[in-house]
Amino acid sequence: VGAVVSLVGGTMFLLWLGEQITSRG
């Protein structure tokens, strides 16, 4: 459960980071 939560959070954070690069970078 801890691994699934961590991996889901890591991937979604990368998506948010990618959106920030697209809009502000």
PDBML (XML) file of the C-alpha atoms, coordinates in Angstrom:
<?xml version="1.0" encoding="UTF-8" ?>
<PDBx:datablock datablockName="MODEL"
   xmlns:PDBx="http://pdbml.pdb.org/schema/pdbx-v50.xsd"
   xmlns:xsi="http://www.w3.org/2001/XMLSchema-instance"
   xsi:schemaLocation="http://pdbml.pdb.org/schema/pdbx-v50.xsd pdbx-v50.xsd">
   <PDBx:atom_siteCategory>
      <PDBx:atom_site id="1">
         <PDBx:B_iso_or_equiv>0.00</PDBx:B_iso_or_equiv>
         <PDBx:Cartn_x>0.000</PDBx:Cartn_x>
         <PDBx:Cartn_y>0.000</PDBx:Cartn_y>
         <PDBx:Cartn_z>0.000</PDBx:Cartn_z>
         <PDBx:auth_asym_id>A</PDBx:auth_asym_id>
         <PDBx:auth_atom_id>CA</PDBx:auth_atom_id>
         <PDBx:auth_comp_id>VAL</PDBx:auth_comp_id>
         <PDBx:auth_seq_id>1</PDBx:auth_seq_id>
         <PDBx:group_PDB>ATOM</PDBx:group_PDB>
         <PDBx:label_alt_id xsi:nil="true" />
         <PDBx:label_asym_id>A</PDBx:label_asym_id>
         <PDBx:label_atom_id>CA</PDBx:label_atom_id>
         <PDBx:label_comp_id>VAL</PDBx:label_comp_id>
         <PDBx:label_entity_id>1</PDBx:label_entity_id>
         <PDBx:label_seq_id>1</PDBx:label_seq_id>
         <PDBx:occupancy>1.00</PDBx:occupancy>
         <PDBx:pdbx_PDB_model_num>1</PDBx:pdbx_PDB_model_num>
         <PDBx:type_symbol>C</PDBx:type_symbol>
      </PDBx:atom_site>
      <PDBx:atom_site id="2">
         <PDBx:B_iso_or_equiv>0.00</PDBx:B_iso_or_equiv>
         <PDBx:Cartn_x>2.827</PDBx:Cartn_x>
         <PDBx:Cartn_y>2.406</PDBx:Cartn_y>
         <PDBx:Cartn_z>0.870</PDBx:Cartn_z>
         <PDBx:auth_asym_id>A</PDBx:auth_asym_id>
         <PDBx:auth_atom_id>CA</PDBx:auth_atom_id>
         <PDBx:auth_comp_id>GLY</PDBx:auth_comp_id>
         <PDBx:auth_seq_id>2</PDBx:auth_seq_id>
         <PDBx:group_PDB>ATOM</PDBx:group_PDB>
         <PDBx:label_alt_id xsi:nil="true" />
         <PDBx:label_asym_id>A</PDBx:label_asym_id>
         <PDBx:label_atom_id>CA</PDBx:label_atom_id>
         <PDBx:label_comp_id>GLY</PDBx:label_comp_id>
         <PDBx:label_entity_id>1</PDBx:label_entity_id>
         <PDBx:label_seq_id>2</PDBx:label_seq_id>
         <PDBx:occupancy>1.00</PDBx:occupancy>
         <PDBx:pdbx_PDB_model_num>1</PDBx:pdbx_PDB_model_num>
         <PDBx:type_symbol>C</PDBx:type_symbol>
      </PDBx:atom_site>
      <PDBx:atom_site id="3">
         <PDBx:B_iso_or_equiv>0.00</PDBx:B_iso_or_equiv>
         <PDBx:Cartn_x>4.598</PDBx:Cartn_x>
         <PDBx:Cartn_y>1.652</PDBx:Cartn_y>
         <PDBx:Cartn_z>-2.417</PDBx:Cartn_z>
         <PDBx:auth_asym_id>A</PDBx:auth_asym_id>
         <PDBx:auth_atom_id>CA</PDBx:auth_atom_id>
         <PDBx:auth_comp_id>ALA</PDBx:auth_comp_id>
         <PDBx:auth_seq_id>3</PDBx:auth_seq_id>
         <PDBx:group_PDB>ATOM</PDBx:group_PDB>
         <PDBx:label_alt_id xsi:nil="true" />
         <PDBx:label_asym_id>A</PDBx:label_asym_id>
         <PDBx:label_atom_id>CA</PDBx:label_atom_id>
         <PDBx:label_comp_id>ALA</PDBx:label_comp_id>
         <PDBx:label_entity_id>1</PDBx:label_entity_id>
         <PDBx:label_seq_id>3</PDBx:label_seq_id>
         <PDBx:occupancy>1.00</PDBx:occupancy>
         <PDBx:pdbx_PDB_model_num>1</PDBx:pdbx_PDB_model_num>
         <PDBx:type_symbol>C</PDBx:type_symbol>
      </PDBx:atom_site>
      <PDBx:atom_site id="4">
         <PDBx:B_iso_or_equiv>0.00</PDBx:B_iso_or_equiv>
         <PDBx:Cartn_x>1.418</PDBx:Cartn_x>
         <PDBx:Cartn_y>2.163</PDBx:Cartn_y>
         <PDBx:Cartn_z>-4.466</PDBx:Cartn_z>
         <PDBx:auth_asym_id>A</PDBx:auth_asym_id>
         <PDBx:auth_atom_id>CA</PDBx:auth_atom_id>
         <PDBx:auth_comp_id>VAL</PDBx:auth_comp_id>
         <PDBx:auth_seq_id>4</PDBx:auth_seq_id>
         <PDBx:group_PDB>ATOM</PDBx:group_PDB>
         <PDBx:label_alt_id xsi:nil="true" />
         <PDBx:label_asym_id>A</PDBx:label_asym_id>
         <PDBx:label_atom_id>CA</PDBx:label_atom_id>
         <PDBx:label_comp_id>VAL</PDBx:label_comp_id>
         <PDBx:label_entity_id>1</PDBx:label_entity_id>
         <PDBx:label_seq_id>4</PDBx:label_seq_id>
         <PDBx:occupancy>1.00</PDBx:occupancy>
         <PDBx:pdbx_PDB_model_num>1</PDBx:pdbx_PDB_model_num>
         <PDBx:type_symbol>C</PDBx:type_symbol>
      </PDBx:atom_site>
      <PDBx:atom_site id="5">
         <PDBx:B_iso_or_equiv>0.00</PDBx:B_iso_or_equiv>
         <PDBx:Cartn_x>0.648</PDBx:Cartn_x>
         <PDBx:Cartn_y>5.483</PDBx:Cartn_y>
         <PDBx:Cartn_z>-2.760</PDBx:Cartn_z>
         <PDBx:auth_asym_id>A</PDBx:auth_asym_id>
         <PDBx:auth_atom_id>CA</PDBx:auth_atom_id>
         <PDBx:auth_comp_id>VAL</PDBx:auth_comp_id>
         <PDBx:auth_seq_id>5</PDBx:auth_seq_id>
         <PDBx:group_PDB>ATOM</PDBx:group_PDB>
         <PDBx:label_alt_id xsi:nil="true" />
         <PDBx:label_asym_id>A</PDBx:label_asym_id>
         <PDBx:label_atom_id>CA</PDBx:label_atom_id>
         <PDBx:label_comp_id>VAL</PDBx:label_comp_id>
         <PDBx:label_entity_id>1</PDBx:label_entity_id>
         <PDBx:label_seq_id>5</PDBx:label_seq_id>
         <PDBx:occupancy>1.00</PDBx:occupancy>
         <PDBx:pdbx_PDB_model_num>1</PDBx:pdbx_PDB_model_num>
         <PDBx:type_symbol>C</PDBx:type_symbol>
      </PDBx:atom_site>
      <PDBx:atom_site id="6">
         <PDBx:B_iso_or_equiv>0.00</PDBx:B_iso_or_equiv>
         <PDBx:Cartn_x>4.238</PDBx:Cartn_x>
         <PDBx:Cartn_y>6.667</PDBx:Cartn_y>
         <PDBx:Cartn_z>-3.214</PDBx:Cartn_z>
         <PDBx:auth_asym_id>A</PDBx:auth_asym_id>
         <PDBx:auth_atom_id>CA</PDBx:auth_atom_id>
         <PDBx:auth_comp_id>SER</PDBx:auth_comp_id>
         <PDBx:auth_seq_id>6</PDBx:auth_seq_id>
         <PDBx:group_PDB>ATOM</PDBx:group_PDB>
         <PDBx:label_alt_id xsi:nil="true" />
         <PDBx:label_asym_id>A</PDBx:label_asym_id>
         <PDBx:label_atom_id>CA</PDBx:label_atom_id>
         <PDBx:label_comp_id>SER</PDBx:label_comp_id>
         <PDBx:label_entity_id>1</PDBx:label_entity_id>
         <PDBx:label_seq_id>6</PDBx:label_seq_id>
         <PDBx:occupancy>1.00</PDBx:occupancy>
         <PDBx:pdbx_PDB_model_num>1</PDBx:pdbx_PDB_model_num>
         <PDBx:type_symbol>C</PDBx:type_symbol>
      </PDBx:atom_site>
      <PDBx:atom_site id="7">
         <PDBx:B_iso_or_equiv>0.00</PDBx:B_iso_or_equiv>
         <PDBx:Cartn_x>4.389</PDBx:Cartn_x>
         <PDBx:Cartn_y>5.664</PDBx:Cartn_y>
         <PDBx:Cartn_z>-6.896</PDBx:Cartn_z>
         <PDBx:auth_asym_id>A</PDBx:auth_asym_id>
         <PDBx:auth_atom_id>CA</PDBx:auth_atom_id>
         <PDBx:auth_comp_id>LEU</PDBx:auth_comp_id>
         <PDBx:auth_seq_id>7</PDBx:auth_seq_id>
         <PDBx:group_PDB>ATOM</PDBx:group_PDB>
         <PDBx:label_alt_id xsi:nil="true" />
         <PDBx:label_asym_id>A</PDBx:label_asym_id>
         <PDBx:label_atom_id>CA</PDBx:label_atom_id>
         <PDBx:label_comp_id>LEU</PDBx:label_comp_id>
         <PDBx:label_entity_id>1</PDBx:label_entity_id>
         <PDBx:label_seq_id>7</PDBx:label_seq_id>
         <PDBx:occupancy>1.00</PDBx:occupancy>
         <PDBx:pdbx_PDB_model_num>1</PDBx:pdbx_PDB_model_num>
         <PDBx:type_symbol>C</PDBx:type_symbol>
      </PDBx:atom_site>
      <PDBx:atom_site id="8">
         <PDBx:B_iso_or_equiv>0.00</PDBx:B_iso_or_equiv>
         <PDBx:Cartn_x>1.004</PDBx:Cartn_x>
         <PDBx:Cartn_y>7.225</PDBx:Cartn_y>
         <PDBx:Cartn_z>-7.707</PDBx:Cartn_z>
         <PDBx:auth_asym_id>A</PDBx:auth_asym_id>
         <PDBx:auth_atom_id>CA</PDBx:auth_atom_id>
         <PDBx:auth_comp_id>VAL</PDBx:auth_comp_id>
         <PDBx:auth_seq_id>8</PDBx:auth_seq_id>
         <PDBx:group_PDB>ATOM</PDBx:group_PDB>
         <PDBx:label_alt_id xsi:nil="true" />
         <PDBx:label_asym_id>A</PDBx:label_asym_id>
         <PDBx:label_atom_id>CA</PDBx:label_atom_id>
         <PDBx:label_comp_id>VAL</PDBx:label_comp_id>
         <PDBx:label_entity_id>1</PDBx:label_entity_id>
         <PDBx:label_seq_id>8</PDBx:label_seq_id>
         <PDBx:occupancy>1.00</PDBx:occupancy>
         <PDBx:pdbx_PDB_model_num>1</PDBx:pdbx_PDB_model_num>
         <PDBx:type_symbol>C</PDBx:type_symbol>
      </PDBx:atom_site>
      <PDBx:atom_site id="9">
         <PDBx:B_iso_or_equiv>0.00</PDBx:B_iso_or_equiv>
         <PDBx:Cartn_x>2.032</PDBx:Cartn_x>
         <PDBx:Cartn_y>10.429</PDBx:Cartn_y>
         <PDBx:Cartn_z>-5.940</PDBx:Cartn_z>
         <PDBx:auth_asym_id>A</PDBx:auth_asym_id>
         <PDBx:auth_atom_id>CA</PDBx:auth_atom_id>
         <PDBx:auth_comp_id>GLY</PDBx:auth_comp_id>
         <PDBx:auth_seq_id>9</PDBx:auth_seq_id>
         <PDBx:group_PDB>ATOM</PDBx:group_PDB>
         <PDBx:label_alt_id xsi:nil="true" />
         <PDBx:label_asym_id>A</PDBx:label_asym_id>
         <PDBx:label_atom_id>CA</PDBx:label_atom_id>
         <PDBx:label_comp_id>GLY</PDBx:label_comp_id>
         <PDBx:label_entity_id>1</PDBx:label_entity_id>
         <PDBx:label_seq_id>9</PDBx:label_seq_id>
         <PDBx:occupancy>1.00</PDBx:occupancy>
         <PDBx:pdbx_PDB_model_num>1</PDBx:pdbx_PDB_model_num>
         <PDBx:type_symbol>C</PDBx:type_symbol>
      </PDBx:atom_site>
      <PDBx:atom_site id="10">
         <PDBx:B_iso_or_equiv>0.00</PDBx:B_iso_or_equiv>
         <PDBx:Cartn_x>5.394</PDBx:Cartn_x>
         <PDBx:Cartn_y>10.498</PDBx:Cartn_y>
         <PDBx:Cartn_z>-7.750</PDBx:Cartn_z>
         <PDBx:auth_asym_id>A</PDBx:auth_asym_id>
         <PDBx:auth_atom_id>CA</PDBx:auth_atom_id>
         <PDBx:auth_comp_id>GLY</PDBx:auth_comp_id>
         <PDBx:auth_seq_id>10</PDBx:auth_seq_id>
         <PDBx:group_PDB>ATOM</PDBx:group_PDB>
         <PDBx:label_alt_id xsi:nil="true" />
         <PDBx:label_asym_id>A</PDBx:label_asym_id>
         <PDBx:label_atom_id>CA</PDBx:label_atom_id>
         <PDBx:label_comp_id>GLY</PDBx:label_comp_id>
         <PDBx:label_entity_id>1</PDBx:label_entity_id>
         <PDBx:label_seq_id>10</PDBx:label_seq_id>
         <PDBx:occupancy>1.00</PDBx:occupancy>
         <PDBx:pdbx_PDB_model_num>1</PDBx:pdbx_PDB_model_num>
         <PDBx:type_symbol>C</PDBx:type_symbol>
      </PDBx:atom_site>
      <PDBx:atom_site id="11">
         <PDBx:B_iso_or_equiv>0.00</PDBx:B_iso_or_equiv>
         <PDBx:Cartn_x>3.823</PDBx:Cartn_x>
         <PDBx:Cartn_y>10.094</PDBx:Cartn_y>
         <PDBx:Cartn_z>-11.197</PDBx:Cartn_z>
         <PDBx:auth_asym_id>A</PDBx:auth_asym_id>
         <PDBx:auth_atom_id>CA</PDBx:auth_atom_id>
         <PDBx:auth_comp_id>THR</PDBx:auth_comp_id>
         <PDBx:auth_seq_id>11</PDBx:auth_seq_id>
         <PDBx:group_PDB>ATOM</PDBx:group_PDB>
         <PDBx:label_alt_id xsi:nil="true" />
         <PDBx:label_asym_id>A</PDBx:label_asym_id>
         <PDBx:label_atom_id>CA</PDBx:label_atom_id>
         <PDBx:label_comp_id>THR</PDBx:label_comp_id>
         <PDBx:label_entity_id>1</PDBx:label_entity_id>
         <PDBx:label_seq_id>11</PDBx:label_seq_id>
         <PDBx:occupancy>1.00</PDBx:occupancy>
         <PDBx:pdbx_PDB_model_num>1</PDBx:pdbx_PDB_model_num>
         <PDBx:type_symbol>C</PDBx:type_symbol>
      </PDBx:atom_site>
      <PDBx:atom_site id="12">
         <PDBx:B_iso_or_equiv>0.00</PDBx:B_iso_or_equiv>
         <PDBx:Cartn_x>1.122</PDBx:Cartn_x>
         <PDBx:Cartn_y>12.702</PDBx:Cartn_y>
         <PDBx:Cartn_z>-10.562</PDBx:Cartn_z>
         <PDBx:auth_asym_id>A</PDBx:auth_asym_id>
         <PDBx:auth_atom_id>CA</PDBx:auth_atom_id>
         <PDBx:auth_comp_id>MET</PDBx:auth_comp_id>
         <PDBx:auth_seq_id>12</PDBx:auth_seq_id>
         <PDBx:group_PDB>ATOM</PDBx:group_PDB>
         <PDBx:label_alt_id xsi:nil="true" />
         <PDBx:label_asym_id>A</PDBx:label_asym_id>
         <PDBx:label_atom_id>CA</PDBx:label_atom_id>
         <PDBx:label_comp_id>MET</PDBx:label_comp_id>
         <PDBx:label_entity_id>1</PDBx:label_entity_id>
         <PDBx:label_seq_id>12</PDBx:label_seq_id>
         <PDBx:occupancy>1.00</PDBx:occupancy>
         <PDBx:pdbx_PDB_model_num>1</PDBx:pdbx_PDB_model_num>
         <PDBx:type_symbol>C</PDBx:type_symbol>
      </PDBx:atom_site>
      <PDBx:atom_site id="13">
         <PDBx:B_iso_or_equiv>0.00</PDBx:B_iso_or_equiv>
         <PDBx:Cartn_x>3.762</PDBx:Cartn_x>
         <PDBx:Cartn_y>15.118</PDBx:Cartn_y>
         <PDBx:Cartn_z>-9.264</PDBx:Cartn_z>
         <PDBx:auth_asym_id>A</PDBx:auth_asym_id>
         <PDBx:auth_atom_id>CA</PDBx:auth_atom_id>
         <PDBx:auth_comp_id>PHE</PDBx:auth_comp_id>
         <PDBx:auth_seq_id>13</PDBx:auth_seq_id>
         <PDBx:group_PDB>ATOM</PDBx:group_PDB>
         <PDBx:label_alt_id xsi:nil="true" />
         <PDBx:label_asym_id>A</PDBx:label_asym_id>
         <PDBx:label_atom_id>CA</PDBx:label_atom_id>
         <PDBx:label_comp_id>PHE</PDBx:label_comp_id>
         <PDBx:label_entity_id>1</PDBx:label_entity_id>
         <PDBx:label_seq_id>13</PDBx:label_seq_id>
         <PDBx:occupancy>1.00</PDBx:occupancy>
         <PDBx:pdbx_PDB_model_num>1</PDBx:pdbx_PDB_model_num>
         <PDBx:type_symbol>C</PDBx:type_symbol>
      </PDBx:atom_site>
      <PDBx:atom_site id="14">
         <PDBx:B_iso_or_equiv>0.00</PDBx:B_iso_or_equiv>
         <PDBx:Cartn_x>5.718</PDBx:Cartn_x>
         <PDBx:Cartn_y>14.621</PDBx:Cartn_y>
         <PDBx:Cartn_z>-12.509</PDBx:Cartn_z>
         <PDBx:auth_asym_id>A</PDBx:auth_asym_id>
         <PDBx:auth_atom_id>CA</PDBx:auth_atom_id>
         <PDBx:auth_comp_id>LEU</PDBx:auth_comp_id>
         <PDBx:auth_seq_id>14</PDBx:auth_seq_id>
         <PDBx:group_PDB>ATOM</PDBx:group_PDB>
         <PDBx:label_alt_id xsi:nil="true" />
         <PDBx:label_asym_id>A</PDBx:label_asym_id>
         <PDBx:label_atom_id>CA</PDBx:label_atom_id>
         <PDBx:label_comp_id>LEU</PDBx:label_comp_id>
         <PDBx:label_entity_id>1</PDBx:label_entity_id>
         <PDBx:label_seq_id>14</PDBx:label_seq_id>
         <PDBx:occupancy>1.00</PDBx:occupancy>
         <PDBx:pdbx_PDB_model_num>1</PDBx:pdbx_PDB_model_num>
         <PDBx:type_symbol>C</PDBx:type_symbol>
      </PDBx:atom_site>
      <PDBx:atom_site id="15">
         <PDBx:B_iso_or_equiv>0.00</PDBx:B_iso_or_equiv>
         <PDBx:Cartn_x>2.557</PDBx:Cartn_x>
         <PDBx:Cartn_y>15.406</PDBx:Cartn_y>
         <PDBx:Cartn_z>-14.493</PDBx:Cartn_z>
         <PDBx:auth_asym_id>A</PDBx:auth_asym_id>
         <PDBx:auth_atom_id>CA</PDBx:auth_atom_id>
         <PDBx:auth_comp_id>LEU</PDBx:auth_comp_id>
         <PDBx:auth_seq_id>15</PDBx:auth_seq_id>
         <PDBx:group_PDB>ATOM</PDBx:group_PDB>
         <PDBx:label_alt_id xsi:nil="true" />
         <PDBx:label_asym_id>A</PDBx:label_asym_id>
         <PDBx:label_atom_id>CA</PDBx:label_atom_id>
         <PDBx:label_comp_id>LEU</PDBx:label_comp_id>
         <PDBx:label_entity_id>1</PDBx:label_entity_id>
         <PDBx:label_seq_id>15</PDBx:label_seq_id>
         <PDBx:occupancy>1.00</PDBx:occupancy>
         <PDBx:pdbx_PDB_model_num>1</PDBx:pdbx_PDB_model_num>
         <PDBx:type_symbol>C</PDBx:type_symbol>
      </PDBx:atom_site>
      <PDBx:atom_site id="16">
         <PDBx:B_iso_or_equiv>0.00</PDBx:B_iso_or_equiv>
         <PDBx:Cartn_x>2.060</PDBx:Cartn_x>
         <PDBx:Cartn_y>18.594</PDBx:Cartn_y>
         <PDBx:Cartn_z>-12.467</PDBx:Cartn_z>
         <PDBx:auth_asym_id>A</PDBx:auth_asym_id>
         <PDBx:auth_atom_id>CA</PDBx:auth_atom_id>
         <PDBx:auth_comp_id>TRP</PDBx:auth_comp_id>
         <PDBx:auth_seq_id>16</PDBx:auth_seq_id>
         <PDBx:group_PDB>ATOM</PDBx:group_PDB>
         <PDBx:label_alt_id xsi:nil="true" />
         <PDBx:label_asym_id>A</PDBx:label_asym_id>
         <PDBx:label_atom_id>CA</PDBx:label_atom_id>
         <PDBx:label_comp_id>TRP</PDBx:label_comp_id>
         <PDBx:label_entity_id>1</PDBx:label_entity_id>
         <PDBx:label_seq_id>16</PDBx:label_seq_id>
         <PDBx:occupancy>1.00</PDBx:occupancy>
         <PDBx:pdbx_PDB_model_num>1</PDBx:pdbx_PDB_model_num>
         <PDBx:type_symbol>C</PDBx:type_symbol>
      </PDBx:atom_site>
      <PDBx:atom_site id="17">
         <PDBx:B_iso_or_equiv>0.00</PDBx:B_iso_or_equiv>
         <PDBx:Cartn_x>5.722</PDBx:Cartn_x>
         <PDBx:Cartn_y>19.477</PDBx:Cartn_y>
         <PDBx:Cartn_z>-13.010</PDBx:Cartn_z>
         <PDBx:auth_asym_id>A</PDBx:auth_asym_id>
         <PDBx:auth_atom_id>CA</PDBx:auth_atom_id>
         <PDBx:auth_comp_id>LEU</PDBx:auth_comp_id>
         <PDBx:auth_seq_id>17</PDBx:auth_seq_id>
         <PDBx:group_PDB>ATOM</PDBx:group_PDB>
         <PDBx:label_alt_id xsi:nil="true" />
         <PDBx:label_asym_id>A</PDBx:label_asym_id>
         <PDBx:label_atom_id>CA</PDBx:label_atom_id>
         <PDBx:label_comp_id>LEU</PDBx:label_comp_id>
         <PDBx:label_entity_id>1</PDBx:label_entity_id>
         <PDBx:label_seq_id>17</PDBx:label_seq_id>
         <PDBx:occupancy>1.00</PDBx:occupancy>
         <PDBx:pdbx_PDB_model_num>1</PDBx:pdbx_PDB_model_num>
         <PDBx:type_symbol>C</PDBx:type_symbol>
      </PDBx:atom_site>
      <PDBx:atom_site id="18">
         <PDBx:B_iso_or_equiv>0.00</PDBx:B_iso_or_equiv>
         <PDBx:Cartn_x>5.319</PDBx:Cartn_x>
         <PDBx:Cartn_y>18.893</PDBx:Cartn_y>
         <PDBx:Cartn_z>-16.738</PDBx:Cartn_z>
         <PDBx:auth_asym_id>A</PDBx:auth_asym_id>
         <PDBx:auth_atom_id>CA</PDBx:auth_atom_id>
         <PDBx:auth_comp_id>GLY</PDBx:auth_comp_id>
         <PDBx:auth_seq_id>18</PDBx:auth_seq_id>
         <PDBx:group_PDB>ATOM</PDBx:group_PDB>
         <PDBx:label_alt_id xsi:nil="true" />
         <PDBx:label_asym_id>A</PDBx:label_asym_id>
         <PDBx:label_atom_id>CA</PDBx:label_atom_id>
         <PDBx:label_comp_id>GLY</PDBx:label_comp_id>
         <PDBx:label_entity_id>1</PDBx:label_entity_id>
         <PDBx:label_seq_id>18</PDBx:label_seq_id>
         <PDBx:occupancy>1.00</PDBx:occupancy>
         <PDBx:pdbx_PDB_model_num>1</PDBx:pdbx_PDB_model_num>
         <PDBx:type_symbol>C</PDBx:type_symbol>
      </PDBx:atom_site>
      <PDBx:atom_site id="19">
         <PDBx:B_iso_or_equiv>0.00</PDBx:B_iso_or_equiv>
         <PDBx:Cartn_x>2.280</PDBx:Cartn_x>
         <PDBx:Cartn_y>21.193</PDBx:Cartn_y>
         <PDBx:Cartn_z>-16.836</PDBx:Cartn_z>
         <PDBx:auth_asym_id>A</PDBx:auth_asym_id>
         <PDBx:auth_atom_id>CA</PDBx:auth_atom_id>
         <PDBx:auth_comp_id>GLU</PDBx:auth_comp_id>
         <PDBx:auth_seq_id>19</PDBx:auth_seq_id>
         <PDBx:group_PDB>ATOM</PDBx:group_PDB>
         <PDBx:label_alt_id xsi:nil="true" />
         <PDBx:label_asym_id>A</PDBx:label_asym_id>
         <PDBx:label_atom_id>CA</PDBx:label_atom_id>
         <PDBx:label_comp_id>GLU</PDBx:label_comp_id>
         <PDBx:label_entity_id>1</PDBx:label_entity_id>
         <PDBx:label_seq_id>19</PDBx:label_seq_id>
         <PDBx:occupancy>1.00</PDBx:occupancy>
         <PDBx:pdbx_PDB_model_num>1</PDBx:pdbx_PDB_model_num>
         <PDBx:type_symbol>C</PDBx:type_symbol>
      </PDBx:atom_site>
      <PDBx:atom_site id="20">
         <PDBx:B_iso_or_equiv>0.00</PDBx:B_iso_or_equiv>
         <PDBx:Cartn_x>4.246</PDBx:Cartn_x>
         <PDBx:Cartn_y>23.900</PDBx:Cartn_y>
         <PDBx:Cartn_z>-15.044</PDBx:Cartn_z>
         <PDBx:auth_asym_id>A</PDBx:auth_asym_id>
         <PDBx:auth_atom_id>CA</PDBx:auth_atom_id>
         <PDBx:auth_comp_id>GLN</PDBx:auth_comp_id>
         <PDBx:auth_seq_id>20</PDBx:auth_seq_id>
         <PDBx:group_PDB>ATOM</PDBx:group_PDB>
         <PDBx:label_alt_id xsi:nil="true" />
         <PDBx:label_asym_id>A</PDBx:label_asym_id>
         <PDBx:label_atom_id>CA</PDBx:label_atom_id>
         <PDBx:label_comp_id>GLN</PDBx:label_comp_id>
         <PDBx:label_entity_id>1</PDBx:label_entity_id>
         <PDBx:label_seq_id>20</PDBx:label_seq_id>
         <PDBx:occupancy>1.00</PDBx:occupancy>
         <PDBx:pdbx_PDB_model_num>1</PDBx:pdbx_PDB_model_num>
         <PDBx:type_symbol>C</PDBx:type_symbol>
      </PDBx:atom_site>
      <PDBx:atom_site id="21">
         <PDBx:B_iso_or_equiv>0.00</PDBx:B_iso_or_equiv>
         <PDBx:Cartn_x>7.065</PDBx:Cartn_x>
         <PDBx:Cartn_y>23.583</PDBx:Cartn_y>
         <PDBx:Cartn_z>-17.596</PDBx:Cartn_z>
         <PDBx:auth_asym_id>A</PDBx:auth_asym_id>
         <PDBx:auth_atom_id>CA</PDBx:auth_atom_id>
         <PDBx:auth_comp_id>ILE</PDBx:auth_comp_id>
         <PDBx:auth_seq_id>21</PDBx:auth_seq_id>
         <PDBx:group_PDB>ATOM</PDBx:group_PDB>
         <PDBx:label_alt_id xsi:nil="true" />
         <PDBx:label_asym_id>A</PDBx:label_asym_id>
         <PDBx:label_atom_id>CA</PDBx:label_atom_id>
         <PDBx:label_comp_id>ILE</PDBx:label_comp_id>
         <PDBx:label_entity_id>1</PDBx:label_entity_id>
         <PDBx:label_seq_id>21</PDBx:label_seq_id>
         <PDBx:occupancy>1.00</PDBx:occupancy>
         <PDBx:pdbx_PDB_model_num>1</PDBx:pdbx_PDB_model_num>
         <PDBx:type_symbol>C</PDBx:type_symbol>
      </PDBx:atom_site>
      <PDBx:atom_site id="22">
         <PDBx:B_iso_or_equiv>0.00</PDBx:B_iso_or_equiv>
         <PDBx:Cartn_x>4.581</PDBx:Cartn_x>
         <PDBx:Cartn_y>23.840</PDBx:Cartn_y>
         <PDBx:Cartn_z>-20.472</PDBx:Cartn_z>
         <PDBx:auth_asym_id>A</PDBx:auth_asym_id>
         <PDBx:auth_atom_id>CA</PDBx:auth_atom_id>
         <PDBx:auth_comp_id>THR</PDBx:auth_comp_id>
         <PDBx:auth_seq_id>22</PDBx:auth_seq_id>
         <PDBx:group_PDB>ATOM</PDBx:group_PDB>
         <PDBx:label_alt_id xsi:nil="true" />
         <PDBx:label_asym_id>A</PDBx:label_asym_id>
         <PDBx:label_atom_id>CA</PDBx:label_atom_id>
         <PDBx:label_comp_id>THR</PDBx:label_comp_id>
         <PDBx:label_entity_id>1</PDBx:label_entity_id>
         <PDBx:label_seq_id>22</PDBx:label_seq_id>
         <PDBx:occupancy>1.00</PDBx:occupancy>
         <PDBx:pdbx_PDB_model_num>1</PDBx:pdbx_PDB_model_num>
         <PDBx:type_symbol>C</PDBx:type_symbol>
      </PDBx:atom_site>
      <PDBx:atom_site id="23">
         <PDBx:B_iso_or_equiv>0.00</PDBx:B_iso_or_equiv>
         <PDBx:Cartn_x>2.819</PDBx:Cartn_x>
         <PDBx:Cartn_y>26.933</PDBx:Cartn_y>
         <PDBx:Cartn_z>-19.075</PDBx:Cartn_z>
         <PDBx:auth_asym_id>A</PDBx:auth_asym_id>
         <PDBx:auth_atom_id>CA</PDBx:auth_atom_id>
         <PDBx:auth_comp_id>SER</PDBx:auth_comp_id>
         <PDBx:auth_seq_id>23</PDBx:auth_seq_id>
         <PDBx:group_PDB>ATOM</PDBx:group_PDB>
         <PDBx:label_alt_id xsi:nil="true" />
         <PDBx:label_asym_id>A</PDBx:label_asym_id>
         <PDBx:label_atom_id>CA</PDBx:label_atom_id>
         <PDBx:label_comp_id>SER</PDBx:label_comp_id>
         <PDBx:label_entity_id>1</PDBx:label_entity_id>
         <PDBx:label_seq_id>23</PDBx:label_seq_id>
         <PDBx:occupancy>1.00</PDBx:occupancy>
         <PDBx:pdbx_PDB_model_num>1</PDBx:pdbx_PDB_model_num>
         <PDBx:type_symbol>C</PDBx:type_symbol>
      </PDBx:atom_site>
      <PDBx:atom_site id="24">
         <PDBx:B_iso_or_equiv>0.00</PDBx:B_iso_or_equiv>
         <PDBx:Cartn_x>5.680</PDBx:Cartn_x>
         <PDBx:Cartn_y>28.774</PDBx:Cartn_y>
         <PDBx:Cartn_z>-17.354</PDBx:Cartn_z>
         <PDBx:auth_asym_id>A</PDBx:auth_asym_id>
         <PDBx:auth_atom_id>CA</PDBx:auth_atom_id>
         <PDBx:auth_comp_id>ARG</PDBx:auth_comp_id>
         <PDBx:auth_seq_id>24</PDBx:auth_seq_id>
         <PDBx:group_PDB>ATOM</PDBx:group_PDB>
         <PDBx:label_alt_id xsi:nil="true" />
         <PDBx:label_asym_id>A</PDBx:label_asym_id>
         <PDBx:label_atom_id>CA</PDBx:label_atom_id>
         <PDBx:label_comp_id>ARG</PDBx:label_comp_id>
         <PDBx:label_entity_id>1</PDBx:label_entity_id>
         <PDBx:label_seq_id>24</PDBx:label_seq_id>
         <PDBx:occupancy>1.00</PDBx:occupancy>
         <PDBx:pdbx_PDB_model_num>1</PDBx:pdbx_PDB_model_num>
         <PDBx:type_symbol>C</PDBx:type_symbol>
      </PDBx:atom_site>
      <PDBx:atom_site id="25">
         <PDBx:B_iso_or_equiv>0.00</PDBx:B_iso_or_equiv>
         <PDBx:Cartn_x>8.735</PDBx:Cartn_x>
         <PDBx:Cartn_y>27.304</PDBx:Cartn_y>
         <PDBx:Cartn_z>-19.073</PDBx:Cartn_z>
         <PDBx:auth_asym_id>A</PDBx:auth_asym_id>
         <PDBx:auth_atom_id>CA</PDBx:auth_atom_id>
         <PDBx:auth_comp_id>GLY</PDBx:auth_comp_id>
         <PDBx:auth_seq_id>25</PDBx:auth_seq_id>
         <PDBx:group_PDB>ATOM</PDBx:group_PDB>
         <PDBx:label_alt_id xsi:nil="true" />
         <PDBx:label_asym_id>A</PDBx:label_asym_id>
         <PDBx:label_atom_id>CA</PDBx:label_atom_id>
         <PDBx:label_comp_id>GLY</PDBx:label_comp_id>
         <PDBx:label_entity_id>1</PDBx:label_entity_id>
         <PDBx:label_seq_id>25</PDBx:label_seq_id>
         <PDBx:occupancy>1.00</PDBx:occupancy>
         <PDBx:pdbx_PDB_model_num>1</PDBx:pdbx_PDB_model_num>
         <PDBx:type_symbol>C</PDBx:type_symbol>
      </PDBx:atom_site>
   </PDBx:atom_siteCategory>
</PDBx:datablock>
